Amino acid sequence: EVTVEESGGETVQPGGSLRLSCEVFGLGVGDYGIGWFRRSPGKRLEEVSMISSIDGSVAYGDSVKGRFAISSDKTKNTALLQMNRLKVEDTAVYYCAAGPLTQLLNLWMNPQFDAYNSWGQGTQVTVSA
């Protein structure tokens, strides 16, 4: 069973930077994906970024393209999300998901809490002056 632990969320001023970490446990053999998602109060779960184990290919949600960067350390089963030029609208609880690549791709295409059963506690990011 896959479990994830997110960390790194803080309160930061607009324009600032943060780096989130997702530590993944229980990944089996085979291709996998690790993704970041977020939920702001009153809004739907939103895709943020995803990385594939096949070739390291990445994807970003439209609202974070050019500002966020995802990377992974396979030896540590850790994915990092570097967030730059943060905006007030980036305020959210950020969640990590990991699993077989097809599962993550489906989750990416249709982010729903009930479509994945290994969510972590999330990490709160607050962007405020």
Foldseek 3Di string as FASTA:
>chain_A
DKAKDKDWADEAAAQAKTKMKIFMPDADDDKKKKFKWWDDPPDAIAGAKMFIPPPRDMDGDPVQPPFWDWDADVVRNMIMIIGGRDDQVVWTFMKMDMYHHVLVVVCNVPPDPVSDDHIDPTHTHGHHD
